Amino acid sequence: MIGALTLIKGDLRCVVTAIALSSASTRHIQQNLFAAFIYIILMIPAATLGFPNPIGAAATTALSSVSVVGNALRMRRVRMLMPVGAGNEH
């Protein structure tokens, strides 16, 4: 993959942080897409057979959304190298 990265600060350690964040984001996106694919694979045949009632369908849709949000919240646990003094500078 080829990409561009613009550094606002002169510290090259920010590149390592950006790459770690990018890799984690890509992993989480792939996991969310896989979960959505499995959900679709399971629910379309069930819907054609008339299995999920409206309340069950709403519950599984809500559960799917909650799992996506939970997966996104795992991004807070991504370990990144932060340069000294890179905190809340304005």
PDB file of N, CA and C in Angstrom:
ATOM      1  N   MET A   1       0.826  -1.176   0.000  1.00  0.00           N
ATOM      2  CA  MET A   1       0.000   0.000   0.000  1.00  0.00           C
ATOM      3  C   MET A   1       0.874   1.243   0.000  1.00  0.00           C
ATOM      4  N   ILE A   2       0.413   2.197  -0.717  1.00  0.00           N
ATOM      5  CA  ILE A   2       1.123   3.467  -0.767  1.00  0.00           C
ATOM      6  C   ILE A   2       0.201   4.519  -0.177  1.00  0.00           C
ATOM      7  N   GLY A   3       0.756   5.333   0.668  1.00  0.00           N
ATOM      8  CA  GLY A   3      -0.049   6.381   1.282  1.00  0.00           C
ATOM      9  C   GLY A   3       0.809   7.591   1.584  1.00  0.00           C
ATOM     10  N   ALA A   4       0.150   8.631   1.971  1.00  0.00           N
ATOM     11  CA  ALA A   4       0.836   9.865   2.329  1.00  0.00           C
ATOM     12  C   ALA A   4       0.554  10.179   3.784  1.00  0.00           C
ATOM     13  N   LEU A   5       1.515  10.759   4.427  1.00  0.00           N
ATOM     14  CA  LEU A   5       1.377  11.131   5.818  1.00  0.00           C
ATOM     15  C   LEU A   5       1.965  12.521   5.982  1.00  0.00           C
ATOM     16  N   THR A   6       1.190  13.408   6.544  1.00  0.00           N
ATOM     17  CA  THR A   6       1.659  14.763   6.797  1.00  0.00           C
ATOM     18  C   THR A   6       1.893  14.924   8.287  1.00  0.00           C
ATOM     19  N   LEU A   7       3.103  15.308   8.646  1.00  0.00           N
ATOM     20  CA  LEU A   7       3.434  15.523  10.046  1.00  0.00           C
ATOM     21  C   LEU A   7       3.214  16.982  10.405  1.00  0.00           C
ATOM     22  N   ILE A   8       2.474  17.199  11.472  1.00  0.00           N
ATOM     23  CA  ILE A   8       2.255  18.562  11.934  1.00  0.00           C
ATOM     24  C   ILE A   8       3.419  18.989  12.810  1.00  0.00           C
ATOM     25  N   LYS A   9       3.948  18.019  13.551  1.00  0.00           N
ATOM     26  CA  LYS A   9       5.103  18.279  14.406  1.00  0.00           C
ATOM     27  C   LYS A   9       6.331  17.671  13.745  1.00  0.00           C
ATOM     28  N   GLY A  10       7.486  18.063  14.175  1.00  0.00           N
ATOM     29  CA  GLY A  10       8.711  17.584  13.564  1.00  0.00           C
ATOM     30  C   GLY A  10       9.204  16.253  14.118  1.00  0.00           C
ATOM     31  N   ASP A  11       8.397  15.558  14.895  1.00  0.00           N
ATOM     32  CA  ASP A  11       8.817  14.315  15.533  1.00  0.00           C
ATOM     33  C   ASP A  11       8.414  13.125  14.675  1.00  0.00           C
ATOM     34  N   LEU A  12       9.419  12.373  14.210  1.00  0.00           N
ATOM     35  CA  LEU A  12       9.145  11.226  13.342  1.00  0.00           C
ATOM     36  C   LEU A  12       8.520  10.047  14.092  1.00  0.00           C
ATOM     37  N   ARG A  13       8.543  10.082  15.426  1.00  0.00           N
ATOM     38  CA  ARG A  13       7.892   8.999  16.174  1.00  0.00           C
ATOM     39  C   ARG A  13       6.381   9.019  15.968  1.00  0.00           C
ATOM     40  N   CYS A  14       5.851  10.132  15.524  1.00  0.00           N
ATOM     41  CA  CYS A  14       4.419  10.206  15.230  1.00  0.00           C
ATOM     42  C   CYS A  14       4.055   9.293  14.058  1.00  0.00           C
ATOM     43  N   VAL A  15       5.010   8.998  13.203  1.00  0.00           N
ATOM     44  CA  VAL A  15       4.770   8.086  12.082  1.00  0.00           C
ATOM     45  C   VAL A  15       4.453   6.692  12.619  1.00  0.00           C
ATOM     46  N   VAL A  16       5.195   6.247  13.629  1.00  0.00           N
ATOM     47  CA  VAL A  16       4.950   4.944  14.233  1.00  0.00           C
ATOM     48  C   VAL A  16       3.540   4.908  14.825  1.00  0.00           C
ATOM     49  N   THR A  17       3.139   5.966  15.486  1.00  0.00           N
ATOM     50  CA  THR A  17       1.802   6.053  16.064  1.00  0.00           C
ATOM     51  C   THR A  17       0.747   5.996  14.970  1.00  0.00           C
ATOM     52  N   ALA A  18       0.949   6.723  13.894  1.00  0.00           N
ATOM     53  CA  ALA A  18      -0.014   6.741  12.792  1.00  0.00           C
ATOM     54  C   ALA A  18      -0.136   5.366  12.145  1.00  0.00           C
ATOM     55  N   ILE A  19       0.977   4.672  11.972  1.00  0.00           N
ATOM     56  CA  ILE A  19       0.944   3.338  11.372  1.00  0.00           C
ATOM     57  C   ILE A  19       0.229   2.349  12.299  1.00  0.00           C
ATOM     58  N   ALA A  20       0.485   2.431  13.602  1.00  0.00           N
ATOM     59  CA  ALA A  20      -0.187   1.546  14.560  1.00  0.00           C
ATOM     60  C   ALA A  20      -1.693   1.792  14.560  1.00  0.00           C
ATOM     61  N   LEU A  21      -2.090   3.046  14.538  1.00  0.00           N
ATOM     62  CA  LEU A  21      -3.511   3.386  14.522  1.00  0.00           C
ATOM     63  C   LEU A  21      -4.172   2.933  13.220  1.00  0.00           C
ATOM     64  N   SER A  22      -3.468   3.101  12.124  1.00  0.00           N
ATOM     65  CA  SER A  22      -3.992   2.674  10.832  1.00  0.00           C
ATOM     66  C   SER A  22      -4.174   1.164  10.773  1.00  0.00           C
ATOM     67  N   SER A  23      -3.203   0.423  11.267  1.00  0.00           N
ATOM     68  CA  SER A  23      -3.301  -1.042  11.267  1.00  0.00           C
ATOM     69  C   SER A  23      -4.453  -1.512  12.148  1.00  0.00           C
ATOM     70  N   ALA A  24      -4.589  -0.916  13.311  1.00  0.00           N
ATOM     71  CA  ALA A  24      -5.684  -1.289  14.215  1.00  0.00           C
ATOM     72  C   ALA A  24      -7.037  -0.955  13.592  1.00  0.00           C
ATOM     73  N   SER A  25      -7.132   0.193  12.944  1.00  0.00           N
ATOM     74  CA  SER A  25      -8.387   0.579  12.296  1.00  0.00           C
ATOM     75  C   SER A  25      -8.758  -0.407  11.198  1.00  0.00           C
ATOM     76  N   THR A  26      -7.788  -0.799  10.403  1.00  0.00           N
ATOM     77  CA  THR A  26      -8.036  -1.748   9.326  1.00  0.00           C
ATOM     78  C   THR A  26      -8.506  -3.087   9.885  1.00  0.00           C
ATOM     79  N   ARG A  27      -7.868  -3.553  10.961  1.00  0.00           N
ATOM     80  CA  ARG A  27      -8.277  -4.815  11.596  1.00  0.00           C
ATOM     81  C   ARG A  27      -9.715  -4.750  12.090  1.00  0.00           C
ATOM     82  N   HIS A  28     -10.067  -3.642  12.738  1.00  0.00           N
ATOM     83  CA  HIS A  28     -11.419  -3.507  13.265  1.00  0.00           C
ATOM     84  C   HIS A  28     -12.459  -3.394  12.152  1.00  0.00           C
ATOM     85  N   ILE A  29     -12.130  -2.718  11.092  1.00  0.00           N
ATOM     86  CA  ILE A  29     -13.045  -2.622   9.953  1.00  0.00           C
ATOM     87  C   ILE A  29     -13.279  -4.003   9.356  1.00  0.00           C
ATOM     88  N   GLN A  30     -12.214  -4.789   9.202  1.00  0.00           N
ATOM     89  CA  GLN A  30     -12.355  -6.137   8.660  1.00  0.00           C
ATOM     90  C   GLN A  30     -13.196  -7.018   9.578  1.00  0.00           C
ATOM     91  N   GLN A  31     -13.005  -6.894  10.884  1.00  0.00           N
ATOM     92  CA  GLN A  31     -13.803  -7.672  11.830  1.00  0.00           C
ATOM     93  C   GLN A  31     -15.273  -7.280  11.760  1.00  0.00           C
ATOM     94  N   ASN A  32     -15.555  -5.994  11.661  1.00  0.00           N
ATOM     95  CA  ASN A  32     -16.937  -5.539  11.559  1.00  0.00           C
ATOM     96  C   ASN A  32     -17.589  -6.025  10.266  1.00  0.00           C
ATOM     97  N   LEU A  33     -16.837  -5.985   9.168  1.00  0.00           N
ATOM     98  CA  LEU A  33     -17.380  -6.473   7.896  1.00  0.00           C
ATOM     99  C   LEU A  33     -17.647  -7.970   7.948  1.00  0.00           C
ATOM    100  N   PHE A  34     -16.754  -8.725   8.582  1.00  0.00           N
ATOM    101  CA  PHE A  34     -16.948 -10.166   8.718  1.00  0.00           C
ATOM    102  C   PHE A  34     -18.198 -10.461   9.549  1.00  0.00           C
ATOM    103  N   ALA A  35     -18.369  -9.741  10.655  1.00  0.00           N
ATOM    104  CA  ALA A  35     -19.544  -9.938  11.505  1.00  0.00           C
ATOM    105  C   ALA A  35     -20.820  -9.588  10.739  1.00  0.00           C
ATOM    106  N   ALA A  36     -20.798  -8.525   9.974  1.00  0.00           N
ATOM    107  CA  ALA A  36     -21.975  -8.135   9.188  1.00  0.00           C
ATOM    108  C   ALA A  36     -22.274  -9.184   8.124  1.00  0.00           C
ATOM    109  N   PHE A  37     -21.243  -9.720   7.503  1.00  0.00           N
ATOM    110  CA  PHE A  37     -21.421 -10.741   6.475  1.00  0.00           C
ATOM    111  C   PHE A  37     -22.071 -11.996   7.074  1.00  0.00           C
ATOM    112  N   ILE A  38     -21.587 -12.431   8.231  1.00  0.00           N
ATOM    113  CA  ILE A  38     -22.158 -13.602   8.895  1.00  0.00           C
ATOM    114  C   ILE A  38     -23.618 -13.326   9.281  1.00  0.00           C
ATOM    115  N   TYR A  39     -23.881 -12.140   9.786  1.00  0.00           N
ATOM    116  CA  TYR A  39     -25.242 -11.754  10.166  1.00  0.00           C
ATOM    117  C   TYR A  39     -26.176 -11.839   8.956  1.00  0.00           C
ATOM    118  N   ILE A  40     -25.746 -11.315   7.830  1.00  0.00           N
ATOM    119  CA  ILE A  40     -26.561 -11.341   6.606  1.00  0.00           C
ATOM    120  C   ILE A  40     -26.765 -12.782   6.134  1.00  0.00           C
ATOM    121  N   ILE A  41     -25.686 -13.567   6.153  1.00  0.00           N
ATOM    122  CA  ILE A  41     -25.766 -14.966   5.708  1.00  0.00           C
ATOM    123  C   ILE A  41     -26.786 -15.737   6.547  1.00  0.00           C
ATOM    124  N   LEU A  42     -26.828 -15.473   7.842  1.00  0.00           N
ATOM    125  CA  LEU A  42     -27.748 -16.191   8.717  1.00  0.00           C
ATOM    126  C   LEU A  42     -29.179 -15.649   8.661  1.00  0.00           C
ATOM    127  N   MET A  43     -29.326 -14.347   8.533  1.00  0.00           N
ATOM    128  CA  MET A  43     -30.657 -13.755   8.650  1.00  0.00           C
ATOM    129  C   MET A  43     -31.477 -13.804   7.365  1.00  0.00           C
ATOM    130  N   ILE A  44     -30.857 -13.784   6.204  1.00  0.00           N
ATOM    131  CA  ILE A  44     -31.645 -13.816   4.965  1.00  0.00           C
ATOM    132  C   ILE A  44     -32.406 -15.135   4.831  1.00  0.00           C
ATOM    133  N   PRO A  45     -31.741 -16.282   4.998  1.00  0.00           N
ATOM    134  CA  PRO A  45     -32.526 -17.521   4.922  1.00  0.00           C
ATOM    135  C   PRO A  45     -33.593 -17.612   6.017  1.00  0.00           C
ATOM    136  N   ALA A  46     -33.269 -17.159   7.220  1.00  0.00           N
ATOM    137  CA  ALA A  46     -34.251 -17.196   8.309  1.00  0.00           C
ATOM    138  C   ALA A  46     -35.444 -16.307   7.983  1.00  0.00           C
ATOM    139  N   ALA A  47     -35.198 -15.149   7.392  1.00  0.00           N
ATOM    140  CA  ALA A  47     -36.289 -14.234   7.046  1.00  0.00           C
ATOM    141  C   ALA A  47     -37.161 -14.815   5.930  1.00  0.00           C
ATOM    142  N   THR A  48     -36.545 -15.503   4.983  1.00  0.00           N
ATOM    143  CA  THR A  48     -37.345 -16.092   3.904  1.00  0.00           C
ATOM    144  C   THR A  48     -38.225 -17.224   4.426  1.00  0.00           C
ATOM    145  N   LEU A  49     -37.797 -17.876   5.489  1.00  0.00           N
ATOM    146  CA  LEU A  49     -38.604 -18.937   6.094  1.00  0.00           C
ATOM    147  C   LEU A  49     -39.595 -18.396   7.118  1.00  0.00           C
ATOM    148  N   GLY A  50     -39.539 -17.108   7.395  1.00  0.00           N
ATOM    149  CA  GLY A  50     -40.478 -16.470   8.299  1.00  0.00           C
ATOM    150  C   GLY A  50     -40.168 -16.684   9.770  1.00  0.00           C
ATOM    151  N   PHE A  51     -38.906 -17.020  10.102  1.00  0.00           N
ATOM    152  CA  PHE A  51     -38.570 -17.299  11.495  1.00  0.00           C
ATOM    153  C   PHE A  51     -38.520 -16.073  12.395  1.00  0.00           C
ATOM    154  N   PRO A  52     -37.790 -15.058  12.038  1.00  0.00           N
ATOM    155  CA  PRO A  52     -37.717 -13.970  13.029  1.00  0.00           C
ATOM    156  C   PRO A  52     -39.000 -13.143  13.023  1.00  0.00           C
ATOM    157  N   ASN A  53     -39.601 -13.025  14.201  1.00  0.00           N
ATOM    158  CA  ASN A  53     -40.729 -12.103  14.300  1.00  0.00           C
ATOM    159  C   ASN A  53     -40.149 -10.696  14.368  1.00  0.00           C
ATOM    160  N   PRO A  54     -40.953  -9.674  14.235  1.00  0.00           N
ATOM    161  CA  PRO A  54     -40.414  -8.301  14.221  1.00  0.00           C
ATOM    162  C   PRO A  54     -39.596  -7.951  15.460  1.00  0.00           C
ATOM    163  N   ILE A  55     -40.010  -8.418  16.624  1.00  0.00           N
ATOM    164  CA  ILE A  55     -39.259  -8.109  17.845  1.00  0.00           C
ATOM    165  C   ILE A  55     -37.902  -8.810  17.823  1.00  0.00           C
ATOM    166  N   GLY A  56     -37.871 -10.062  17.381  1.00  0.00           N
ATOM    167  CA  GLY A  56     -36.601 -10.794  17.278  1.00  0.00           C
ATOM    168  C   GLY A  56     -35.671 -10.161  16.258  1.00  0.00           C
ATOM    169  N   ALA A  57     -36.225  -9.726  15.122  1.00  0.00           N
ATOM    170  CA  ALA A  57     -35.407  -9.065  14.101  1.00  0.00           C
ATOM    171  C   ALA A  57     -34.830  -7.755  14.628  1.00  0.00           C
ATOM    172  N   ALA A  58     -35.662  -7.006  15.362  1.00  0.00           N
ATOM    173  CA  ALA A  58     -35.177  -5.744  15.941  1.00  0.00           C
ATOM    174  C   ALA A  58     -34.093  -6.008  16.971  1.00  0.00           C
ATOM    175  N   ALA A  59     -34.259  -7.060  17.762  1.00  0.00           N
ATOM    176  CA  ALA A  59     -33.261  -7.393  18.780  1.00  0.00           C
ATOM    177  C   ALA A  59     -31.938  -7.799  18.152  1.00  0.00           C
ATOM    178  N   THR A  60     -31.975  -8.605  17.088  1.00  0.00           N
ATOM    179  CA  THR A  60     -30.716  -9.008  16.456  1.00  0.00           C
ATOM    180  C   THR A  60     -30.049  -7.839  15.742  1.00  0.00           C
ATOM    181  N   THR A  61     -30.852  -6.933  15.178  1.00  0.00           N
ATOM    182  CA  THR A  61     -30.275  -5.737  14.555  1.00  0.00           C
ATOM    183  C   THR A  61     -29.615  -4.858  15.609  1.00  0.00           C
ATOM    184  N   ALA A  62     -30.281  -4.705  16.748  1.00  0.00           N
ATOM    185  CA  ALA A  62     -29.692  -3.912  17.833  1.00  0.00           C
ATOM    186  C   ALA A  62     -28.422  -4.569  18.354  1.00  0.00           C
ATOM    187  N   LEU A  63     -28.436  -5.893  18.500  1.00  0.00           N
ATOM    188  CA  LEU A  63     -27.247  -6.612  18.956  1.00  0.00           C
ATOM    189  C   LEU A  63     -26.093  -6.448  17.973  1.00  0.00           C
ATOM    190  N   SER A  64     -26.414  -6.473  16.691  1.00  0.00           N
ATOM    191  CA  SER A  64     -25.382  -6.261  15.673  1.00  0.00           C
ATOM    192  C   SER A  64     -24.774  -4.864  15.802  1.00  0.00           C
ATOM    193  N   SER A  65     -25.607  -3.864  16.009  1.00  0.00           N
ATOM    194  CA  SER A  65     -25.114  -2.492  16.151  1.00  0.00           C
ATOM    195  C   SER A  65     -24.256  -2.342  17.408  1.00  0.00           C
ATOM    196  N   VAL A  66     -24.700  -2.963  18.490  1.00  0.00           N
ATOM    197  CA  VAL A  66     -23.936  -2.890  19.736  1.00  0.00           C
ATOM    198  C   VAL A  66     -22.577  -3.562  19.569  1.00  0.00           C
ATOM    199  N   SER A  67     -22.533  -4.675  18.836  1.00  0.00           N
ATOM    200  CA  SER A  67     -21.242  -5.341  18.637  1.00  0.00           C
ATOM    201  C   SER A  67     -20.293  -4.485  17.800  1.00  0.00           C
ATOM    202  N   VAL A  68     -20.820  -3.763  16.820  1.00  0.00           N
ATOM    203  CA  VAL A  68     -19.976  -2.874  16.013  1.00  0.00           C
ATOM    204  C   VAL A  68     -19.431  -1.738  16.874  1.00  0.00           C
ATOM    205  N   VAL A  69     -20.289  -1.155  17.710  1.00  0.00           N
ATOM    206  CA  VAL A  69     -19.849  -0.076  18.592  1.00  0.00           C
ATOM    207  C   VAL A  69     -18.813  -0.595  19.593  1.00  0.00           C
ATOM    208  N   GLY A  70     -19.062  -1.777  20.145  1.00  0.00           N
ATOM    209  CA  GLY A  70     -18.097  -2.377  21.077  1.00  0.00           C
ATOM    210  C   GLY A  70     -16.757  -2.632  20.427  1.00  0.00           C
ATOM    211  N   ASN A  71     -16.791  -3.079  19.189  1.00  0.00           N
ATOM    212  CA  ASN A  71     -15.542  -3.312  18.467  1.00  0.00           C
ATOM    213  C   ASN A  71     -14.814  -1.993  18.219  1.00  0.00           C
ATOM    214  N   ALA A  72     -15.556  -0.947  17.937  1.00  0.00           N
ATOM    215  CA  ALA A  72     -14.933   0.354  17.727  1.00  0.00           C
ATOM    216  C   ALA A  72     -14.337   0.892  19.030  1.00  0.00           C
ATOM    217  N   LEU A  73     -14.995   0.626  20.146  1.00  0.00           N
ATOM    218  CA  LEU A  73     -14.475   1.098  21.430  1.00  0.00           C
ATOM    219  C   LEU A  73     -13.172   0.398  21.822  1.00  0.00           C
ATOM    220  N   ARG A  74     -12.933  -0.771  21.239  1.00  0.00           N
ATOM    221  CA  ARG A  74     -11.664  -1.450  21.512  1.00  0.00           C
ATOM    222  C   ARG A  74     -10.473  -0.659  20.983  1.00  0.00           C
ATOM    223  N   MET A  75     -10.725   0.307  20.116  1.00  0.00           N
ATOM    224  CA  MET A  75      -9.636   1.139  19.591  1.00  0.00           C
ATOM    225  C   MET A  75      -8.963   1.936  20.703  1.00  0.00           C
ATOM    226  N   ARG A  76      -9.677   2.151  21.800  1.00  0.00           N
ATOM    227  CA  ARG A  76      -9.076   2.893  22.910  1.00  0.00           C
ATOM    228  C   ARG A  76      -7.930   2.110  23.536  1.00  0.00           C
ATOM    229  N   ARG A  77      -7.925   0.782  23.333  1.00  0.00           N
ATOM    230  CA  ARG A  77      -6.884  -0.059  23.926  1.00  0.00           C
ATOM    231  C   ARG A  77      -5.662  -0.212  23.031  1.00  0.00           C
ATOM    232  N   VAL A  78      -5.685   0.387  21.852  1.00  0.00           N
ATOM    233  CA  VAL A  78      -4.545   0.276  20.939  1.00  0.00           C
ATOM    234  C   VAL A  78      -3.345   0.956  21.571  1.00  0.00           C
ATOM    235  N   ARG A  79      -2.267   0.213  21.658  1.00  0.00           N
ATOM    236  CA  ARG A  79      -1.066   0.762  22.286  1.00  0.00           C
ATOM    237  C   ARG A  79      -0.254   1.513  21.242  1.00  0.00           C
ATOM    238  N   MET A  80       0.012   2.776  21.527  1.00  0.00           N
ATOM    239  CA  MET A  80       0.740   3.607  20.587  1.00  0.00           C
ATOM    240  C   MET A  80       1.874   4.321  21.301  1.00  0.00           C
ATOM    241  N   LEU A  81       2.921   4.551  20.568  1.00  0.00           N
ATOM    242  CA  LEU A  81       4.053   5.320  21.088  1.00  0.00           C
ATOM    243  C   LEU A  81       3.732   6.792  20.917  1.00  0.00           C
ATOM    244  N   MET A  82       3.654   7.503  22.012  1.00  0.00           N
ATOM    245  CA  MET A  82       3.395   8.938  21.953  1.00  0.00           C
ATOM    246  C   MET A  82       4.658   9.685  22.349  1.00  0.00           C
ATOM    247  N   PRO A  83       5.090  10.597  21.517  1.00  0.00           N
ATOM    248  CA  PRO A  83       6.284  11.358  21.855  1.00  0.00           C
ATOM    249  C   PRO A  83       6.087  12.174  23.129  1.00  0.00           C
ATOM    250  N   VAL A  84       7.179  12.446  23.807  1.00  0.00           N
ATOM    251  CA  VAL A  84       7.145  13.256  25.017  1.00  0.00           C
ATOM    252  C   VAL A  84       6.657  14.647  24.644  1.00  0.00           C
ATOM    253  N   GLY A  85       5.683  15.138  25.406  1.00  0.00           N
ATOM    254  CA  GLY A  85       5.157  16.472  25.138  1.00  0.00           C
ATOM    255  C   GLY A  85       4.122  16.504  24.037  1.00  0.00           C
ATOM    256  N   ALA A  86       3.630  15.342  23.607  1.00  0.00           N
ATOM    257  CA  ALA A  86       2.637  15.307  22.538  1.00  0.00           C
ATOM    258  C   ALA A  86       1.223  15.276  23.075  1.00  0.00           C
ATOM    259  N   GLY A  87       1.045  15.639  24.311  1.00  0.00           N
ATOM    260  CA  GLY A  87      -0.274  15.590  24.944  1.00  0.00           C
ATOM    261  C   GLY A  87      -1.187  16.670  24.450  1.00  0.00           C
ATOM    262  N   ASN A  88      -1.730  17.437  25.358  1.00  0.00           N
ATOM    263  CA  ASN A  88      -2.701  18.472  25.026  1.00  0.00           C
ATOM    264  C   ASN A  88      -2.042  19.817  24.788  1.00  0.00           C
ATOM    265  N   GLU A  89      -1.259  19.899  23.769  1.00  0.00           N
ATOM    266  CA  GLU A  89      -0.618  21.167  23.441  1.00  0.00           C
ATOM    267  C   GLU A  89      -1.521  21.979  22.537  1.00  0.00           C
ATOM    268  N   HIS A  90      -1.579  23.249  22.747  1.00  0.00           N
ATOM    269  CA  HIS A  90      -2.426  24.100  21.894  1.00  0.00           C
ATOM    270  C   HIS A  90      -1.597  25.180  21.278  1.00  0.00           C
TER     271      HIS A  90
END
